[in-house]
Amino acid sequence: MDIYDLLRVLPLASALTWFILAALQVYRDRIHTWTETFFLLSCIFAGLYATWDFLFFTAGDSNFATFAGRMSFSSAIVTSLFLLLFTLVYIDRMRRVYWSFGILTIAVLILFWLIGLEGVNQLSGGLWIPVFNETVLLIVLAYIGSYSLGGIVNVYRLHKIVRDVSPQLARRTRGFLIVFTLIIFLGLGTNGVLGALRSQVPPPFSTLLLVVAAATIYTLYPGSRQRISEAVRRFQARRYSIKASFLTFEDGTLIGAKAREGETAIDQDLFGATLDVIQNFMRTSFPILRGKALSSITHGNYTLVVERARHTYLTVVLEGEESDQLRRQMRDLLLDFEAKNRQTLLAWRGIPEEAKGTDQMLTSLLAEAPLL
């Protein structure tokens, strides 16, 4: 097998790995928060990047090779956007200003499709190589490089957070930081330089992402009970203070409630009924919201954060900034609760005492660091 055969095969392995990561996200029900959405989209577009690379290398004619080359580079541009957004939101929270990164991405995509790829050449081994407009290529590389640098900075911030919690997890984040940094520099140093110089040496393109995918699996999907997301959640918990938590059945029946010691007492029955009325009012008054569930209500410094499972929904009253990791914790607790009480919930009679583990679940939510 020569270098040409290797370049044809490796993109398929890279695409398969990224699509497996995406499928794993869906299978694990990790598609509800901004963090999970951006990671899922990163995996999908990285897989598409590798897929179009394979189609580019194996194209039967120059027209399809040109189209595949445009699609490949476009997928790489979009992947850089979602990786940056994922690393930003993972350690912080979603902010409106982050959408400005998407505006720049659209501008770069339009520029590339208009004049970025001038044509393709075929080597003696049958492999196609792209011919770029040097100025546009440099703009695209600067875009990818700057977004990747932002991602590296965020991964370093993640490493600092994890390092204070667990040396074992810190080794994983340190390894991913090193791999991610090396791949970015190697990728820009090979794909970028070869494209800018119009070299007749075939660039590796998405092949290097295979290493990033392997490092991602090692970092974010550890075999141990310790999880990086848990370390991040505990760090973010310093930004909010949970005052109370409520577990409610889908018909509005309150299953259980807990309030932090010293907080003003809340009429539990009135709370559940009022929340149900608000949700019904929103669905009735705004037809566009039909089929949607209430996710949060903000009043002054307080926010009601709502997460739903199949039969129940969990509401916390907090002061401060909510986070994706808090929502993930709430949903995981709900899914675990419903798994333990499946038969009880299927034949729900409105008797809270029949549900097991309610008090422990609600208490665990209050065991967070106070607002700083």
Protein backbone atom coordinates (compact mmCIF):
# COMPACT_ATOMS: atom_id res chain seq x y z
CA MET A 1 0.00 0.00 0.00
CA ASP A 2 1.52 3.34 -1.10
CA ILE A 3 0.86 6.85 0.23
CA TYR A 4 -2.00 7.36 -2.23
CA ASP A 5 -3.86 4.25 -1.09
CA LEU A 6 -3.35 5.29 2.54
CA LEU A 7 -4.80 8.74 1.91
CA ARG A 8 -7.86 7.15 0.31
CA VAL A 9 -8.50 4.82 3.26
CA LEU A 10 -7.72 6.90 6.35
CA PRO A 11 -10.48 9.52 5.83
CA LEU A 12 -13.04 6.71 6.05
CA ALA A 13 -11.62 5.63 9.42
CA SER A 14 -11.70 9.23 10.62
CA ALA A 15 -15.30 9.70 9.41
CA LEU A 16 -16.44 6.46 11.04
CA THR A 17 -14.89 7.45 14.39
CA TRP A 18 -16.55 10.89 14.43
CA PHE A 19 -19.93 9.50 13.39
CA ILE A 20 -19.67 6.90 16.17
CA LEU A 21 -19.05 9.73 18.62
CA ALA A 22 -22.14 11.53 17.29
CA ALA A 23 -24.25 8.36 17.53
CA LEU A 24 -23.00 7.82 21.08
CA GLN A 25 -24.18 11.33 22.01
CA VAL A 26 -27.67 10.58 20.70
CA TYR A 27 -27.75 7.14 22.33
CA ARG A 28 -26.74 8.60 25.69
CA ASP A 29 -29.44 11.28 25.34
CA ARG A 30 -26.80 14.02 25.32
CA ILE A 31 -28.59 16.35 22.92
CA HIS A 32 -30.58 18.75 25.12
CA THR A 33 -28.20 21.53 26.20
CA TRP A 34 -26.13 23.97 24.16
CA THR A 35 -22.95 22.16 25.21
CA GLU A 36 -24.29 18.82 24.00
CA THR A 37 -25.67 20.33 20.78
CA PHE A 38 -22.39 22.00 19.84
CA PHE A 39 -20.41 18.84 20.56
CA LEU A 40 -22.84 16.75 18.49
CA LEU A 41 -22.59 19.19 15.57
CA SER A 42 -18.79 19.21 15.89
CA CYS A 43 -18.75 15.42 15.57
CA ILE A 44 -21.15 15.43 12.62
CA PHE A 45 -19.27 18.07 10.63
CA ALA A 46 -15.89 16.51 11.42
CA GLY A 47 -17.31 13.26 10.06
CA LEU A 48 -18.62 15.06 6.97
CA TYR A 49 -15.21 16.70 6.50
CA ALA A 50 -13.56 13.28 6.42
CA THR A 51 -16.32 11.82 4.20
CA TRP A 52 -15.93 14.54 1.60
CA ASP A 53 -12.15 14.07 1.74
CA PHE A 54 -12.65 10.42 0.82
CA LEU A 55 -14.96 11.39 -2.05
CA PHE A 56 -12.46 14.03 -3.16
CA PHE A 57 -9.53 11.60 -3.22
CA THR A 58 -11.57 8.98 -5.10
CA ALA A 59 -13.49 11.29 -7.49
CA GLY A 60 -13.92 10.03 -11.03
CA ASP A 61 -13.74 13.41 -12.77
CA SER A 62 -12.53 16.94 -12.13
CA ASN A 63 -16.01 18.46 -11.74
CA PHE A 64 -16.99 16.16 -8.90
CA ALA A 65 -13.50 16.50 -7.37
CA THR A 66 -13.92 20.30 -7.36
CA PHE A 67 -17.34 20.04 -5.70
CA ALA A 68 -16.07 17.53 -3.13
CA GLY A 69 -13.10 19.79 -2.41
CA ARG A 70 -15.40 22.73 -1.71
CA MET A 71 -17.62 20.62 0.53
CA SER A 72 -14.60 19.24 2.38
CA PHE A 73 -13.11 22.63 3.16
CA SER A 74 -16.55 24.03 4.05
CA SER A 75 -17.07 21.20 6.53
CA ALA A 76 -13.67 21.99 8.08
CA ILE A 77 -14.64 25.66 8.43
CA VAL A 78 -17.95 24.81 10.14
CA THR A 79 -16.26 22.20 12.37
CA SER A 80 -13.90 24.90 13.67
CA LEU A 81 -16.91 27.04 14.62
CA PHE A 82 -18.72 24.33 16.58
CA LEU A 83 -15.54 23.16 18.33
CA LEU A 84 -14.93 26.72 19.51
CA LEU A 85 -18.53 27.11 20.69
CA PHE A 86 -18.41 23.75 22.45
CA THR A 87 -15.26 24.60 24.40
CA LEU A 88 -16.62 28.04 25.28
CA VAL A 89 -19.99 26.84 26.57
CA TYR A 90 -18.60 23.71 28.24
CA ILE A 91 -16.66 25.71 30.81
CA ASP A 92 -18.92 28.77 30.89
CA ARG A 93 -22.49 29.21 29.58
CA MET A 94 -24.18 30.15 26.32
CA ARG A 95 -24.17 33.88 25.61
CA ARG A 96 -25.76 35.76 22.71
CA VAL A 97 -22.49 37.37 21.71
CA TYR A 98 -21.16 33.94 20.72
CA TRP A 99 -23.43 33.95 17.66
CA SER A 100 -21.14 36.60 16.17
CA PHE A 101 -18.62 33.82 15.55
CA GLY A 102 -21.21 32.25 13.25
CA ILE A 103 -21.56 35.47 11.24
CA LEU A 104 -17.82 35.44 10.52
CA THR A 105 -18.07 31.76 9.56
CA ILE A 106 -20.79 32.52 6.99
CA ALA A 107 -18.66 35.30 5.49
CA VAL A 108 -15.64 32.98 5.18
CA LEU A 109 -17.80 30.26 3.59
CA ILE A 110 -19.20 32.66 0.98
CA LEU A 111 -15.73 33.94 0.12
CA PHE A 112 -14.35 30.41 -0.22
CA TRP A 113 -17.19 29.21 -2.44
CA LEU A 114 -16.88 32.25 -4.71
CA ILE A 115 -13.14 32.30 -5.41
CA GLY A 116 -11.39 30.01 -2.92
CA LEU A 117 -10.91 26.87 -5.01
CA GLU A 118 -9.67 27.57 -8.53
CA GLY A 119 -9.54 23.96 -9.70
CA VAL A 120 -8.01 20.52 -9.16
CA ASN A 121 -5.08 18.55 -10.56
CA GLN A 122 -4.71 14.78 -10.79
CA LEU A 123 -1.46 13.11 -9.80
CA SER A 124 -0.02 10.09 -11.56
CA GLY A 125 -1.40 7.85 -8.81
CA GLY A 126 -4.94 8.99 -9.60
CA LEU A 127 -5.20 11.18 -6.52
CA TRP A 128 -6.64 14.68 -6.86
CA ILE A 129 -5.05 17.73 -5.23
CA PRO A 130 -6.75 21.14 -4.91
CA VAL A 131 -5.55 24.39 -6.45
CA PHE A 132 -6.44 27.27 -4.12
CA ASN A 133 -6.50 31.02 -4.48
CA GLU A 134 -3.56 31.84 -2.22
CA THR A 135 -5.13 34.96 -0.67
CA VAL A 136 -8.41 33.26 0.15
CA LEU A 137 -6.59 30.20 1.49
CA LEU A 138 -4.59 32.38 3.85
CA ILE A 139 -7.82 34.00 5.07
CA VAL A 140 -9.38 30.59 5.67
CA LEU A 141 -6.27 29.33 7.45
CA ALA A 142 -6.21 32.46 9.63
CA TYR A 143 -9.87 31.86 10.47
CA ILE A 144 -9.30 28.19 11.34
CA GLY A 145 -6.13 29.03 13.23
CA SER A 146 -7.75 31.75 15.34
CA TYR A 147 -10.80 29.63 16.19
CA SER A 148 -8.55 26.69 17.00
CA LEU A 149 -6.40 28.89 19.21
CA GLY A 150 -9.55 29.94 21.06
CA GLY A 151 -10.36 26.27 21.52
CA ILE A 152 -6.86 25.59 22.86
CA VAL A 153 -7.21 28.42 25.39
CA ASN A 154 -10.54 27.00 26.54
CA VAL A 155 -9.12 23.47 26.84
CA TYR A 156 -6.31 24.92 28.96
CA ARG A 157 -8.91 26.62 31.18
CA LEU A 158 -10.68 23.27 31.47
CA HIS A 159 -7.41 21.63 32.47
CA LYS A 160 -6.89 24.20 35.24
CA ILE A 161 -10.39 23.55 36.58
CA VAL A 162 -9.96 19.77 36.55
CA ARG A 163 -6.44 19.95 37.99
CA ASP A 164 -7.82 21.39 41.23
CA VAL A 165 -10.30 18.52 41.55
CA SER A 166 -8.57 15.34 40.42
CA PRO A 167 -4.96 14.63 39.34
CA GLN A 168 -6.21 11.56 37.49
CA LEU A 169 -8.63 13.57 35.38
CA ALA A 170 -6.00 16.27 34.92
CA ARG A 171 -3.77 13.76 33.15
CA ARG A 172 -6.55 13.19 30.63
CA THR A 173 -7.13 16.88 29.96
CA ARG A 174 -3.38 17.52 29.75
CA GLY A 175 -3.02 14.78 27.16
CA PHE A 176 -5.92 16.13 25.12
CA LEU A 177 -4.51 19.66 25.31
CA ILE A 178 -1.14 18.48 23.98
CA VAL A 179 -2.68 16.36 21.21
CA PHE A 180 -5.14 19.07 20.14
CA THR A 181 -2.39 21.71 20.03
CA LEU A 182 -0.01 19.51 18.05
CA ILE A 183 -2.68 18.51 15.53
CA ILE A 184 -3.67 22.12 14.92
CA PHE A 185 -0.10 23.17 14.25
CA LEU A 186 0.65 20.07 12.19
CA GLY A 187 -2.58 20.49 10.24
CA LEU A 188 -1.91 24.13 9.41
CA GLY A 189 1.72 23.29 8.70
CA THR A 190 0.86 20.55 6.21
CA ASN A 191 -2.51 21.32 4.63
CA GLY A 192 -1.91 25.07 4.78
CA VAL A 193 1.66 25.17 3.50
CA LEU A 194 1.09 22.57 0.77
CA GLY A 195 -2.00 24.42 -0.42
CA ALA A 196 -0.42 27.86 -0.34
CA LEU A 197 2.68 26.69 -2.24
CA ARG A 198 0.57 24.72 -4.74
CA SER A 199 2.72 21.71 -4.02
CA GLN A 200 2.26 18.44 -5.89
CA VAL A 201 2.49 16.58 -2.57
CA PRO A 202 -1.00 15.41 -1.50
CA PRO A 203 -2.13 17.02 1.79
CA PRO A 204 -3.41 14.80 4.64
CA PHE A 205 -6.56 16.94 5.16
CA SER A 206 -8.95 15.34 7.68
CA THR A 207 -6.72 12.33 8.35
CA LEU A 208 -5.18 14.13 11.33
CA LEU A 209 -8.61 14.45 12.94
CA LEU A 210 -8.50 10.72 13.59
CA VAL A 211 -5.98 11.43 16.36
CA VAL A 212 -8.18 14.21 17.78
CA ALA A 213 -11.16 11.84 17.83
CA ALA A 214 -9.17 9.22 19.73
CA ALA A 215 -8.00 11.85 22.24
CA THR A 216 -11.59 13.10 22.64
CA ILE A 217 -12.85 9.61 23.43
CA TYR A 218 -10.06 9.14 25.98
CA THR A 219 -10.74 12.52 27.60
CA LEU A 220 -14.53 12.87 27.67
CA TYR A 221 -15.50 9.20 27.98
CA PRO A 222 -13.35 7.85 30.81
CA GLY A 223 -13.85 4.32 32.05
CA SER A 224 -13.60 5.38 35.67
CA ARG A 225 -16.45 6.78 37.78
CA GLN A 226 -14.80 10.20 37.80
CA ARG A 227 -16.04 12.48 35.03
CA ILE A 228 -14.69 15.75 33.72
CA SER A 229 -18.23 17.11 33.40
CA GLU A 230 -18.73 16.53 37.14
CA ALA A 231 -15.58 18.50 37.94
CA VAL A 232 -16.76 21.34 35.69
CA ARG A 233 -20.22 21.30 37.26
CA ARG A 234 -18.78 21.63 40.75
CA PHE A 235 -16.65 24.55 39.56
CA GLN A 236 -19.65 26.26 37.94
CA ALA A 237 -21.78 25.65 41.05
CA ARG A 238 -19.91 28.48 42.73
CA ARG A 239 -21.80 30.88 40.45
CA TYR A 240 -25.23 29.99 41.76
CA SER A 241 -27.04 28.99 44.94
CA ILE A 242 -29.98 26.59 44.73
CA LYS A 243 -32.72 27.71 47.11
CA ALA A 244 -35.31 24.98 46.54
CA SER A 245 -36.07 21.97 44.35
CA PHE A 246 -39.41 20.47 43.30
CA LEU A 247 -40.29 17.16 41.65
CA THR A 248 -43.62 17.12 39.83
CA PHE A 249 -45.58 14.47 37.94
CA GLU A 250 -46.63 15.30 34.37
CA ASP A 251 -50.23 15.99 35.47
CA GLY A 252 -49.05 18.72 37.86
CA THR A 253 -49.09 16.60 41.03
CA LEU A 254 -46.25 17.52 43.37
CA ILE A 255 -44.22 14.42 44.27
CA GLY A 256 -41.73 16.11 46.57
CA ALA A 257 -40.03 19.39 47.47
CA LYS A 258 -36.96 20.57 49.37
CA ALA A 259 -35.91 24.05 50.45
CA ARG A 260 -32.53 25.15 51.71
CA GLU A 261 -32.47 25.68 55.46
CA GLY A 262 -33.28 29.28 56.37
CA GLU A 263 -35.14 30.06 53.13
CA THR A 264 -38.67 31.45 53.19
CA ALA A 265 -41.21 28.64 53.10
CA ILE A 266 -42.97 28.06 49.79
CA ASP A 267 -46.51 26.75 49.45
CA GLN A 268 -45.66 23.51 47.68
CA ASP A 269 -49.13 22.71 46.33
CA LEU A 270 -49.61 26.28 45.11
CA PHE A 271 -46.18 26.21 43.43
CA GLY A 272 -46.96 23.07 41.43
CA ALA A 273 -50.39 24.29 40.36
CA THR A 274 -49.07 27.74 39.39
CA LEU A 275 -46.22 26.31 37.30
CA ASP A 276 -48.69 24.07 35.47
CA VAL A 277 -50.98 27.05 34.80
CA ILE A 278 -48.08 29.11 33.41
CA GLN A 279 -47.08 26.33 31.02
CA ASN A 280 -50.64 25.83 29.80
CA PHE A 281 -51.05 29.60 29.36
CA MET A 282 -47.91 29.80 27.20
CA ARG A 283 -48.98 26.90 24.99
CA THR A 284 -52.52 28.29 24.59
CA SER A 285 -51.58 31.92 23.99
CA PHE A 286 -48.66 31.25 21.63
CA PRO A 287 -49.45 28.48 19.10
CA ILE A 288 -45.79 28.43 18.02
CA LEU A 289 -44.92 27.04 21.47
CA ARG A 290 -47.25 24.05 21.23
CA GLY A 291 -45.29 20.88 21.76
CA LYS A 292 -42.61 22.86 23.60
CA ALA A 293 -41.92 22.66 27.33
CA LEU A 294 -41.12 25.51 29.69
CA SER A 295 -37.38 25.53 30.38
CA SER A 296 -36.85 28.55 32.65
CA ILE A 297 -38.44 31.60 34.22
CA THR A 298 -36.37 34.55 35.41
CA HIS A 299 -37.54 37.10 37.95
CA GLY A 300 -34.95 39.54 39.26
CA ASN A 301 -31.95 37.62 40.59
CA TYR A 302 -33.85 34.33 40.72
CA THR A 303 -34.36 31.75 38.00
CA LEU A 304 -36.63 28.72 37.88
CA VAL A 305 -34.82 26.03 35.88
CA VAL A 306 -37.02 23.20 34.58
CA GLU A 307 -35.90 19.85 33.16
CA ARG A 308 -38.27 17.12 31.95
CA ALA A 309 -38.10 13.38 31.57
CA ARG A 310 -40.85 11.06 30.32
CA HIS A 311 -43.29 11.25 33.23
CA THR A 312 -41.86 13.86 35.60
CA TYR A 313 -40.18 17.23 35.62
CA LEU A 314 -37.72 18.74 38.04
CA THR A 315 -37.63 22.43 38.96
CA VAL A 316 -34.96 24.26 40.93
CA VAL A 317 -35.08 27.83 42.19
CA LEU A 318 -31.63 29.36 42.06
CA GLU A 319 -29.90 32.67 42.52
CA GLY A 320 -27.16 33.34 40.01
CA GLU A 321 -26.36 31.87 36.59
CA GLU A 322 -27.64 28.49 35.50
CA SER A 323 -25.34 26.23 33.46
CA ASP A 324 -25.57 23.37 31.01
CA GLN A 325 -23.85 21.06 33.49
CA LEU A 326 -26.55 21.78 36.09
CA ARG A 327 -29.24 20.92 33.55
CA ARG A 328 -27.40 17.73 32.66
CA GLN A 329 -27.25 16.77 36.35
CA MET A 330 -30.99 17.47 36.74
CA ARG A 331 -31.88 15.34 33.72
CA ASP A 332 -29.63 12.47 34.84
CA LEU A 333 -31.26 12.52 38.28
CA LEU A 334 -34.70 12.47 36.66
CA LEU A 335 -33.86 9.56 34.38
CA ASP A 336 -32.44 7.60 37.30
CA PHE A 337 -35.51 8.38 39.41
CA GLU A 338 -37.89 7.26 36.67
CA ALA A 339 -35.90 4.06 36.11
CA LYS A 340 -36.26 3.18 39.81
CA ASN A 341 -39.98 4.04 39.88
CA ARG A 342 -41.06 2.90 36.42
CA GLN A 343 -44.03 0.79 37.53
CA THR A 344 -45.18 3.34 40.11
CA LEU A 345 -45.16 6.16 37.56
CA LEU A 346 -46.95 4.10 34.91
CA ALA A 347 -49.79 3.49 37.37
CA TRP A 348 -49.51 6.82 39.18
CA ARG A 349 -52.22 7.30 41.80
CA GLY A 350 -51.12 10.71 43.07
CA ILE A 351 -49.60 9.33 46.29
CA PRO A 352 -46.07 10.83 46.71
CA GLU A 353 -45.07 8.22 49.32
CA GLU A 354 -45.17 5.49 46.67
CA ALA A 355 -42.22 7.03 44.82
CA LYS A 356 -38.81 5.91 46.09
CA GLY A 357 -35.70 8.09 46.34
CA THR A 358 -37.47 11.44 46.06
CA ASP A 359 -35.97 12.99 49.18
CA GLN A 360 -32.42 11.84 48.36
CA MET A 361 -32.61 13.23 44.85
CA LEU A 362 -33.89 16.65 45.91
CA THR A 363 -31.40 16.85 48.78
CA SER A 364 -28.48 16.12 46.43
CA LEU A 365 -29.36 19.19 44.39
CA LEU A 366 -29.09 21.44 47.43
CA ALA A 367 -25.64 20.08 48.29
CA GLU A 368 -23.88 22.63 46.08
CA ALA A 369 -21.29 25.30 46.74
CA PRO A 370 -22.87 28.66 47.71
CA LEU A 371 -22.98 31.62 45.38
CA LEU A 372 -19.71 33.61 45.44
